[in-house]
C-alpha atoms as a PDB file:
ATOM      1  CA  MET A   1     131.151 106.719 101.643  1.00  0.00           C
ATOM      2  CA  ASN A   2     131.714 103.986 104.239  1.00  0.00           C
ATOM      3  CA  SER A   3     129.559 101.165 102.911  1.00  0.00           C
ATOM      4  CA  THR A   4     129.946  98.833 105.918  1.00  0.00           C
ATOM      5  CA  PRO A   5     126.861  99.085 108.162  1.00  0.00           C
ATOM      6  CA  THR A   6     127.108  99.246 111.950  1.00  0.00           C
ATOM      7  CA  VAL A   7     124.510  97.633 114.226  1.00  0.00           C
ATOM      8  CA  LEU A   8     122.637 100.302 116.187  1.00  0.00           C
ATOM      9  CA  LEU A   9     119.966  98.093 117.780  1.00  0.00           C
ATOM     10  CA  ASP A  10     119.541  94.331 118.117  1.00  0.00           C
ATOM     11  CA  ASN A  11     117.156  91.897 119.833  1.00  0.00           C
ATOM     12  CA  LEU A  12     114.349  92.786 117.458  1.00  0.00           C
ATOM     13  CA  THR A  13     111.942  90.439 115.705  1.00  0.00           C
ATOM     14  CA  PHE A  14     111.121  91.938 112.302  1.00  0.00           C
ATOM     15  CA  PRO A  15     111.778  95.698 111.981  1.00  0.00           C
ATOM     16  CA  GLU A  16     110.027  97.413 109.082  1.00  0.00           C
ATOM     17  CA  CYS A  17     108.714 100.772 107.826  1.00  0.00           C
ATOM     18  CA  PRO A  18     111.340 103.092 109.411  1.00  0.00           C
ATOM     19  CA  ARG A  19     110.651 106.828 109.675  1.00  0.00           C
ATOM     20  CA  TRP A  20     112.852 109.644 111.012  1.00  0.00           C
ATOM     21  CA  HIS A  21     110.625 111.832 113.178  1.00  0.00           C
ATOM     22  CA  ASP A  22     111.096 114.069 116.198  1.00  0.00           C
ATOM     23  CA  GLY A  23     114.790 113.245 116.639  1.00  0.00           C
ATOM     24  CA  SER A  24     114.380 109.470 116.514  1.00  0.00           C
ATOM     25  CA  LEU A  25     113.994 106.601 114.114  1.00  0.00           C
ATOM     26  CA  TRP A  26     110.511 105.144 114.480  1.00  0.00           C
ATOM     27  CA  PHE A  27     109.767 101.680 113.137  1.00  0.00           C
ATOM     28  CA  SER A  28     107.329  98.793 113.371  1.00  0.00           C
ATOM     29  CA  ASP A  29     108.653  95.602 114.959  1.00  0.00           C
ATOM     30  CA  VAL A  30     105.961  93.760 113.061  1.00  0.00           C
ATOM     31  CA  HIS A  31     105.825  90.308 114.613  1.00  0.00           C
ATOM     32  CA  ALA A  32     106.600  91.608 118.089  1.00  0.00           C
ATOM     33  CA  HIS A  33     103.414  93.685 117.656  1.00  0.00           C
ATOM     34  CA  ARG A  34     104.986  96.942 118.772  1.00  0.00           C
ATOM     35  CA  ILE A  35     106.019 100.341 117.410  1.00  0.00           C
ATOM     36  CA  MET A  36     109.421 101.505 118.626  1.00  0.00           C
ATOM     37  CA  ARG A  37     111.684 104.527 118.454  1.00  0.00           C
ATOM     38  CA  VAL A  38     115.467 104.707 118.799  1.00  0.00           C
ATOM     39  CA  ASP A  39     117.736 107.738 118.894  1.00  0.00           C
ATOM     40  CA  ALA A  40     121.082 108.124 117.139  1.00  0.00           C
ATOM     41  CA  GLN A  41     122.913 106.735 120.189  1.00  0.00           C
ATOM     42  CA  GLY A  42     120.893 103.517 120.234  1.00  0.00           C
ATOM     43  CA  ASN A  43     118.597 104.382 123.141  1.00  0.00           C
ATOM     44  CA  ALA A  44     115.324 102.619 122.354  1.00  0.00           C
ATOM     45  CA  ARG A  45     111.866 102.533 123.832  1.00  0.00           C
ATOM     46  CA  VAL A  46     108.474 101.153 122.934  1.00  0.00           C
ATOM     47  CA  ALA A  47     106.237 103.912 121.558  1.00  0.00           C
ATOM     48  CA  LEU A  48     103.159 101.688 121.327  1.00  0.00           C
ATOM     49  CA  ALA A  49     102.748  98.148 122.624  1.00  0.00           C
ATOM     50  CA  ASP A  50     100.029  95.722 121.519  1.00  0.00           C
ATOM     51  CA  ALA A  51      99.937  97.308 118.059  1.00  0.00           C
ATOM     52  CA  HIS A  52      98.644  94.086 116.442  1.00  0.00           C
ATOM     53  CA  GLN A  53     101.119  93.491 113.595  1.00  0.00           C
ATOM     54  CA  PRO A  54     101.857  97.122 112.670  1.00  0.00           C
ATOM     55  CA  ALA A  55     103.352  98.137 109.325  1.00  0.00           C
ATOM     56  CA  GLY A  56     103.413 101.559 107.613  1.00  0.00           C
ATOM     57  CA  LEU A  57     103.805 104.622 109.851  1.00  0.00           C
ATOM     58  CA  GLY A  58     103.033 108.300 109.355  1.00  0.00           C
ATOM     59  CA  TRP A  59     101.806 111.422 111.121  1.00  0.00           C
ATOM     60  CA  ALA A  60      98.683 113.512 110.716  1.00  0.00           C
ATOM     61  CA  PRO A  61      99.024 117.315 110.475  1.00  0.00           C
ATOM     62  CA  ASP A  62      98.079 117.568 114.162  1.00  0.00           C
ATOM     63  CA  GLY A  63     101.071 115.366 115.075  1.00  0.00           C
ATOM     64  CA  SER A  64      99.140 112.206 115.909  1.00  0.00           C
ATOM     65  CA  LEU A  65     100.681 108.893 114.873  1.00  0.00           C
ATOM     66  CA  LEU A  66      99.022 106.914 112.094  1.00  0.00           C
ATOM     67  CA  PHE A  67      99.829 103.263 111.453  1.00  0.00           C
ATOM     68  CA  VAL A  68      98.626 100.274 109.483  1.00  0.00           C
ATOM     69  CA  ARG A  69      97.542  97.018 111.075  1.00  0.00           C
ATOM     70  CA  MET A  70      98.543  94.478 108.445  1.00  0.00           C
ATOM     71  CA  ALA A  71      96.409  91.419 109.213  1.00  0.00           C
ATOM     72  CA  GLU A  72      93.403  93.378 110.513  1.00  0.00           C
ATOM     73  CA  ARG A  73      93.607  95.608 107.410  1.00  0.00           C
ATOM     74  CA  THR A  74      92.892  98.848 109.219  1.00  0.00           C
ATOM     75  CA  LEU A  75      94.388 102.325 109.424  1.00  0.00           C
ATOM     76  CA  MET A  76      94.801 103.444 113.018  1.00  0.00           C
ATOM     77  CA  ARG A  77      95.361 106.770 114.781  1.00  0.00           C
ATOM     78  CA  VAL A  78      96.985 107.069 118.213  1.00  0.00           C
ATOM     79  CA  ALA A  79      95.482 109.644 120.593  1.00  0.00           C
ATOM     80  CA  ASP A  80      96.572 109.872 124.242  1.00  0.00           C
ATOM     81  CA  GLY A  81      98.382 106.550 123.883  1.00  0.00           C
ATOM     82  CA  VAL A  82      95.279 104.715 122.627  1.00  0.00           C
ATOM     83  CA  ALA A  83      94.879 103.433 119.058  1.00  0.00           C
ATOM     84  CA  GLY A  84      91.526 104.015 117.347  1.00  0.00           C
ATOM     85  CA  THR A  85      90.355 103.018 113.882  1.00  0.00           C
ATOM     86  CA  VAL A  86      90.429 105.626 111.104  1.00  0.00           C
ATOM     87  CA  ALA A  87      89.409 103.270 108.295  1.00  0.00           C
ATOM     88  CA  ASP A  88      88.609  99.579 107.902  1.00  0.00           C
ATOM     89  CA  LEU A  89      89.859  98.237 104.556  1.00  0.00           C
ATOM     90  CA  SER A  90      89.103  94.568 105.217  1.00  0.00           C
ATOM     91  CA  LEU A  91      86.326  94.423 102.609  1.00  0.00           C
ATOM     92  CA  LEU A  92      88.621  95.914  99.962  1.00  0.00           C
ATOM     93  CA  GLU A  93      91.757  93.815 100.619  1.00  0.00           C
ATOM     94  CA  GLN A  94      91.396  90.123 101.363  1.00  0.00           C
ATOM     95  CA  VAL A  95      94.975  89.301 102.476  1.00  0.00           C
ATOM     96  CA  GLN A  96      97.021  92.008 104.207  1.00  0.00           C
ATOM     97  CA  LEU A  97      97.892  95.672 104.051  1.00  0.00           C
ATOM     98  CA  ASN A  98     101.498  96.719 103.640  1.00  0.00           C
ATOM     99  CA  ASP A  99     103.550  99.913 103.768  1.00  0.00           C
ATOM    100  CA  MET A 100     102.153 103.446 103.759  1.00  0.00           C
ATOM    101  CA  THR A 101     103.125 107.045 103.232  1.00  0.00           C
ATOM    102  CA  VAL A 102     101.170 110.033 104.559  1.00  0.00           C
ATOM    103  CA  ASP A 103     101.193 113.355 102.709  1.00  0.00           C
ATOM    104  CA  ALA A 104     101.328 116.851 104.191  1.00  0.00           C
ATOM    105  CA  ARG A 105      97.510 117.020 104.295  1.00  0.00           C
ATOM    106  CA  GLY A 106      97.208 113.797 106.269  1.00  0.00           C
ATOM    107  CA  ARG A 107      96.079 111.638 103.347  1.00  0.00           C
ATOM    108  CA  ALA A 108      97.375 108.075 103.599  1.00  0.00           C
ATOM    109  CA  TYR A 109      98.480 105.974 100.635  1.00  0.00           C
ATOM    110  CA  ILE A 110      98.466 102.302 101.642  1.00  0.00           C
ATOM    111  CA  GLY A 111      99.708  99.359  99.600  1.00  0.00           C
ATOM    112  CA  ALA A 112      98.102  95.912  99.715  1.00  0.00           C
ATOM    113  CA  PHE A 113      99.452  92.380  99.358  1.00  0.00           C
ATOM    114  CA  GLY A 114      96.830  90.894  97.047  1.00  0.00           C
ATOM    115  CA  PHE A 115      98.282  87.437  97.758  1.00  0.00           C
ATOM    116  CA  ASP A 116     100.258  85.800 100.579  1.00  0.00           C
ATOM    117  CA  ILE A 117     103.819  86.247  99.346  1.00  0.00           C
ATOM    118  CA  ASN A 118     105.365  84.673 102.457  1.00  0.00           C
ATOM    119  CA  ALA A 119     103.293  81.509 102.087  1.00  0.00           C
ATOM    120  CA  GLY A 120     104.328  81.124  98.458  1.00  0.00           C
ATOM    121  CA  GLU A 121     100.924  81.791  96.906  1.00  0.00           C
ATOM    122  CA  LYS A 122     100.704  82.537  93.189  1.00  0.00           C
ATOM    123  CA  ALA A 123     101.226  86.237  92.515  1.00  0.00           C
ATOM    124  CA  VAL A 124      98.267  88.438  91.631  1.00  0.00           C
ATOM    125  CA  THR A 125      98.129  92.209  91.324  1.00  0.00           C
ATOM    126  CA  ALA A 126      97.046  94.525  94.122  1.00  0.00           C
ATOM    127  CA  ASN A 127      95.977  98.094  94.884  1.00  0.00           C
ATOM    128  CA  ILE A 128      97.169 101.281  96.479  1.00  0.00           C
ATOM    129  CA  PHE A 129      94.361 102.708  98.621  1.00  0.00           C
ATOM    130  CA  LEU A 130      93.894 106.379  99.408  1.00  0.00           C
ATOM    131  CA  VAL A 131      92.462 107.123 102.847  1.00  0.00           C
ATOM    132  CA  GLN A 132      91.291 110.694 103.455  1.00  0.00           C
ATOM    133  CA  PRO A 133      91.669 112.270 106.916  1.00  0.00           C
ATOM    134  CA  ASP A 134      87.942 111.699 107.526  1.00  0.00           C
ATOM    135  CA  GLY A 135      88.366 107.954 106.876  1.00  0.00           C
ATOM    136  CA  ALA A 136      86.898 107.861 103.360  1.00  0.00           C
ATOM    137  CA  VAL A 137      88.646 105.188 101.276  1.00  0.00           C
ATOM    138  CA  ARG A 138      89.053 104.673  97.551  1.00  0.00           C
ATOM    139  CA  VAL A 139      91.383 102.798  95.217  1.00  0.00           C
ATOM    140  CA  ALA A 140      94.087 105.207  94.060  1.00  0.00           C
ATOM    141  CA  ALA A 141      95.885 102.751  91.732  1.00  0.00           C
ATOM    142  CA  ASP A 142      95.336  99.132  90.731  1.00  0.00           C
ATOM    143  CA  ASN A 143      97.107  96.288  88.902  1.00  0.00           C
ATOM    144  CA  LEU A 144     100.344  96.757  90.840  1.00  0.00           C
ATOM    145  CA  ARG A 145     102.755  93.881  91.335  1.00  0.00           C
ATOM    146  CA  PHE A 146     102.970  93.880  95.146  1.00  0.00           C
ATOM    147  CA  PRO A 147     103.087  97.603  95.962  1.00  0.00           C
ATOM    148  CA  ASN A 148     105.472  98.130  98.834  1.00  0.00           C
ATOM    149  CA  GLY A 149     107.494 101.149  99.996  1.00  0.00           C
ATOM    150  CA  MET A 150     106.333 104.578  98.791  1.00  0.00           C
ATOM    151  CA  VAL A 151     107.766 108.099  98.782  1.00  0.00           C
ATOM    152  CA  ILE A 152     106.361 111.511  97.900  1.00  0.00           C
ATOM    153  CA  THR A 153     108.630 114.133  96.333  1.00  0.00           C
ATOM    154  CA  PRO A 154     109.251 117.409  98.212  1.00  0.00           C
ATOM    155  CA  ASP A 155     106.881 119.365  95.959  1.00  0.00           C
ATOM    156  CA  GLY A 156     104.079 116.911  96.815  1.00  0.00           C
ATOM    157  CA  ARG A 157     103.379 116.265  93.146  1.00  0.00           C
ATOM    158  CA  THR A 158     104.821 112.774  92.556  1.00  0.00           C
ATOM    159  CA  LEU A 159     104.437 109.433  94.326  1.00  0.00           C
ATOM    160  CA  ILE A 160     106.993 106.682  93.672  1.00  0.00           C
ATOM    161  CA  VAL A 161     106.187 103.102  94.706  1.00  0.00           C
ATOM    162  CA  ALA A 162     108.332  99.970  94.801  1.00  0.00           C
ATOM    163  CA  GLU A 163     106.645  97.084  92.984  1.00  0.00           C
ATOM    164  CA  THR A 164     108.392  94.170  94.659  1.00  0.00           C
ATOM    165  CA  VAL A 165     107.291  91.370  92.350  1.00  0.00           C
ATOM    166  CA  GLY A 166     107.600  93.679  89.338  1.00  0.00           C
ATOM    167  CA  ARG A 167     111.245  94.487  90.165  1.00  0.00           C
ATOM    168  CA  CYS A 168     110.732  98.163  89.448  1.00  0.00           C
ATOM    169  CA  LEU A 169     109.911 101.595  90.776  1.00  0.00           C
ATOM    170  CA  THR A 170     106.744 103.183  89.390  1.00  0.00           C
ATOM    171  CA  ALA A 171     105.729 106.864  89.518  1.00  0.00           C
ATOM    172  CA  PHE A 172     102.374 108.653  89.546  1.00  0.00           C
ATOM    173  CA  ASP A 173     101.325 112.288  89.421  1.00  0.00           C
ATOM    174  CA  ILE A 174      99.407 113.429  92.515  1.00  0.00           C
ATOM    175  CA  ALA A 175      96.407 115.676  91.849  1.00  0.00           C
ATOM    176  CA  ALA A 176      95.096 118.334  94.224  1.00  0.00           C
ATOM    177  CA  ASP A 177      92.483 115.892  95.546  1.00  0.00           C
ATOM    178  CA  GLY A 178      95.087 113.169  96.118  1.00  0.00           C
ATOM    179  CA  SER A 179      94.206 111.155  93.014  1.00  0.00           C
ATOM    180  CA  LEU A 180      97.015 109.316  91.215  1.00  0.00           C
ATOM    181  CA  SER A 181      97.418 109.477  87.426  1.00  0.00           C
ATOM    182  CA  ASN A 182      99.986 109.298  84.627  1.00  0.00           C
ATOM    183  CA  ARG A 183     101.412 105.963  85.740  1.00  0.00           C
ATOM    184  CA  ARG A 184     104.907 105.485  84.341  1.00  0.00           C
ATOM    185  CA  ALA A 185     108.068 103.453  84.789  1.00  0.00           C
ATOM    186  CA  TRP A 186     110.523 105.303  87.033  1.00  0.00           C
ATOM    187  CA  ALA A 187     113.302 102.706  87.159  1.00  0.00           C
ATOM    188  CA  PRO A 188     113.704  99.013  86.316  1.00  0.00           C
ATOM    189  CA  LEU A 189     115.649  97.078  88.953  1.00  0.00           C
ATOM    190  CA  ALA A 190     117.637  93.858  89.155  1.00  0.00           C
ATOM    191  CA  ILE A 191     116.501  93.418  92.779  1.00  0.00           C
ATOM    192  CA  PHE A 192     113.121  92.804  94.423  1.00  0.00           C
ATOM    193  CA  PRO A 193     112.604  96.226  96.088  1.00  0.00           C
ATOM    194  CA  ASP A 194     110.905  96.472  99.473  1.00  0.00           C
ATOM    195  CA  GLY A 195     111.096  99.670 101.561  1.00  0.00           C
ATOM    196  CA  ILE A 196     112.392 102.864  99.917  1.00  0.00           C
ATOM    197  CA  CYS A 197     113.386 106.435 100.785  1.00  0.00           C
ATOM    198  CA  LEU A 198     114.240 109.551  98.793  1.00  0.00           C
ATOM    199  CA  ASP A 199     117.278 111.837  98.882  1.00  0.00           C
ATOM    200  CA  ALA A 200     117.826 115.505  98.041  1.00  0.00           C
ATOM    201  CA  GLU A 201     119.142 114.719  94.543  1.00  0.00           C
ATOM    202  CA  GLY A 202     115.922 112.879  93.706  1.00  0.00           C
ATOM    203  CA  ALA A 203     117.489 109.422  93.881  1.00  0.00           C
ATOM    204  CA  VAL A 204     115.799 106.526  95.670  1.00  0.00           C
ATOM    205  CA  TRP A 205     117.388 104.112  98.129  1.00  0.00           C
ATOM    206  CA  ALA A 206     115.706 100.708  97.767  1.00  0.00           C
ATOM    207  CA  ALA A 207     116.051  97.790 100.192  1.00  0.00           C
ATOM    208  CA  ALA A 208     116.306  94.241  98.847  1.00  0.00           C
ATOM    209  CA  PRO A 209     115.469  91.334 101.194  1.00  0.00           C
ATOM    210  CA  VAL A 210     116.474  88.516  98.846  1.00  0.00           C
ATOM    211  CA  THR A 211     119.969  89.801  98.020  1.00  0.00           C
ATOM    212  CA  GLY A 212     120.753  91.569 101.312  1.00  0.00           C
ATOM    213  CA  VAL A 213     121.551  94.935  99.752  1.00  0.00           C
ATOM    214  CA  CYS A 214     120.289  98.499  99.685  1.00  0.00           C
ATOM    215  CA  VAL A 215     120.876 100.332  96.400  1.00  0.00           C
ATOM    216  CA  ARG A 216     120.731 103.988  95.435  1.00  0.00           C
ATOM    217  CA  VAL A 217     119.087 104.352  92.044  1.00  0.00           C
ATOM    218  CA  ARG A 218     118.415 107.332  89.795  1.00  0.00           C
ATOM    219  CA  GLU A 219     115.364 107.758  87.594  1.00  0.00           C
ATOM    220  CA  GLY A 220     115.923 105.532  84.601  1.00  0.00           C
ATOM    221  CA  GLY A 221     117.663 102.778  86.578  1.00  0.00           C
ATOM    222  CA  GLU A 222     121.300 103.825  87.113  1.00  0.00           C
ATOM    223  CA  VAL A 223     122.568 102.357  90.393  1.00  0.00           C
ATOM    224  CA  THR A 224     125.123 104.721  91.958  1.00  0.00           C
ATOM    225  CA  ASP A 225     125.760 103.099  95.357  1.00  0.00           C
ATOM    226  CA  THR A 226     125.253  99.725  97.032  1.00  0.00           C
ATOM    227  CA  VAL A 227     125.314  98.844 100.729  1.00  0.00           C
ATOM    228  CA  SER A 228     125.481  95.142 101.624  1.00  0.00           C
ATOM    229  CA  VAL A 229     124.896  93.111 104.780  1.00  0.00           C
ATOM    230  CA  GLU A 230     126.022  89.536 105.383  1.00  0.00           C
ATOM    231  CA  ASN A 231     123.594  86.639 105.857  1.00  0.00           C
ATOM    232  CA  LYS A 232     120.581  88.914 106.313  1.00  0.00           C
ATOM    233  CA  GLY A 233     117.904  90.550 104.233  1.00  0.00           C
ATOM    234  CA  VAL A 234     117.479  94.317 104.039  1.00  0.00           C
ATOM    235  CA  TYR A 235     113.741  94.959 104.264  1.00  0.00           C
ATOM    236  CA  ALA A 236     113.498  98.739 104.532  1.00  0.00           C
ATOM    237  CA  CYS A 237     115.575 101.898 104.728  1.00  0.00           C
ATOM    238  CA  MET A 238     115.292 105.523 105.835  1.00  0.00           C
ATOM    239  CA  LEU A 239     117.546 108.571 105.722  1.00  0.00           C
ATOM    240  CA  GLY A 240     117.685 110.433 109.010  1.00  0.00           C
ATOM    241  CA  GLY A 241     119.860 111.738 111.795  1.00  0.00           C
ATOM    242  CA  GLU A 242     120.508 115.406 112.559  1.00  0.00           C
ATOM    243  CA  ASP A 243     121.801 116.113 109.045  1.00  0.00           C
ATOM    244  CA  GLY A 244     119.654 113.554 107.222  1.00  0.00           C
ATOM    245  CA  ARG A 245     122.733 111.655 106.035  1.00  0.00           C
ATOM    246  CA  THR A 246     122.455 108.516 108.148  1.00  0.00           C
ATOM    247  CA  LEU A 247     120.982 105.621 106.187  1.00  0.00           C
ATOM    248  CA  TYR A 248     119.063 103.391 108.587  1.00  0.00           C
ATOM    249  CA  LEU A 249     118.559  99.780 107.481  1.00  0.00           C
ATOM    250  CA  CYS A 250     115.943  97.371 108.804  1.00  0.00           C
ATOM    251  CA  THR A 251     117.606  93.967 108.527  1.00  0.00           C
ATOM    252  CA  ALA A 252     116.412  90.500 109.464  1.00  0.00           C
ATOM    253  CA  ARG A 253     117.347  86.844 109.255  1.00  0.00           C
ATOM    254  CA  THR A 254     114.354  84.730 108.279  1.00  0.00           C
ATOM    255  CA  THR A 255     112.731  82.863 105.398  1.00  0.00           C
ATOM    256  CA  GLY A 256     109.365  83.261 103.702  1.00  0.00           C
ATOM    257  CA  PRO A 257     107.791  80.268 105.467  1.00  0.00           C
ATOM    258  CA  ASP A 258     109.267  81.326 108.838  1.00  0.00           C
ATOM    259  CA  LEU A 259     108.106  84.908 108.385  1.00  0.00           C
ATOM    260  CA  ALA A 260     104.600  83.653 107.643  1.00  0.00           C
ATOM    261  CA  LYS A 261     104.717  82.183 111.165  1.00  0.00           C
ATOM    262  CA  GLY A 262     106.279  85.302 112.685  1.00  0.00           C
ATOM    263  CA  VAL A 263     109.690  83.676 113.200  1.00  0.00           C
ATOM    264  CA  SER A 264     112.519  86.145 112.589  1.00  0.00           C
ATOM    265  CA  THR A 265     115.510  87.912 114.151  1.00  0.00           C
ATOM    266  CA  GLY A 266     116.035  91.582 113.360  1.00  0.00           C
ATOM    267  CA  TRP A 267     118.372  94.556 113.666  1.00  0.00           C
ATOM    268  CA  ILE A 268     118.601  98.278 112.932  1.00  0.00           C
ATOM    269  CA  GLU A 269     121.878  99.073 111.184  1.00  0.00           C
ATOM    270  CA  THR A 270     123.361 102.373 109.998  1.00  0.00           C
ATOM    271  CA  VAL A 271     125.768 103.726 107.424  1.00  0.00           C
ATOM    272  CA  CYS A 272     126.733 107.328 106.602  1.00  0.00           C
ATOM    273  CA  VAL A 273     125.963 108.580 103.084  1.00  0.00           C
ATOM    274  CA  GLU A 274     126.669 111.804 101.166  1.00  0.00           C
ATOM    275  CA  ILE A 275     123.210 113.030 100.135  1.00  0.00           C
ATOM    276  CA  ALA A 276     120.601 113.935 102.741  1.00  0.00           C
ATOM    277  CA  HIS A 277     116.946 112.922 103.043  1.00  0.00           C
ATOM    278  CA  ALA A 278     114.161 114.627 101.119  1.00  0.00           C
ATOM    279  CA  GLY A 279     110.406 114.247 100.662  1.00  0.00           C
ATOM    280  CA  LEU A 280     107.984 112.024 102.587  1.00  0.00           C
ATOM    281  CA  PRO A 281     108.194 109.915 104.611  1.00  0.00           C
END
């Protein structure tokens, strides 16, 4: 494959949580407080302004957009262009919410910070929360080392989460009621994984902000492919395009202290890969 990324979109602040949906790449430009979409030709528009530090994105079965407000620690639903609160998690998470994946039934799995990683606070473990379509919230998994990007396998039976501070991918079985069980190591990593996506061979692409790479890893930890960018971090990734074989990278140039203040410069970059997208998101 051609492992040299091409810039599709620039003049962003901090792009994160990319999703291929309805013929476009959707993503949160977190510190610009907006949700955007861009097509394969680079034509971009703002899907939702004034989104108040958005993060994880997903869609309910009725097609409505769901998104996380990080600092406000809420799950939101967009109806007729207006965002309303589905669930308030501020009493359950004291710092910030993070990435999210939404299953085929509209249940949202949302990771939490647990500590302020960008301000250099001492690491503590955090939770994955499960939010039902009616807004009911419970802890789905605890004692995770900064749960970040998440994917659900095509059969809907397994959730894989990137534990950034833990330098690993961790898997859970998904029960009929959405509960997570049978926690197990899926792959150890040499990188600090952030956003992830899944391909049709069951391998995971994992973005790495610190080292500026995106790696394709199989269960067990074998790295088969690496895409690198220069002088930037890779914060998230998504397979998309008409054939699902375009790897979209959310890249940014910033530091932890700067990001804590919302200071960053970001891009969407692309590279063609061999194996197409699978699963959710």
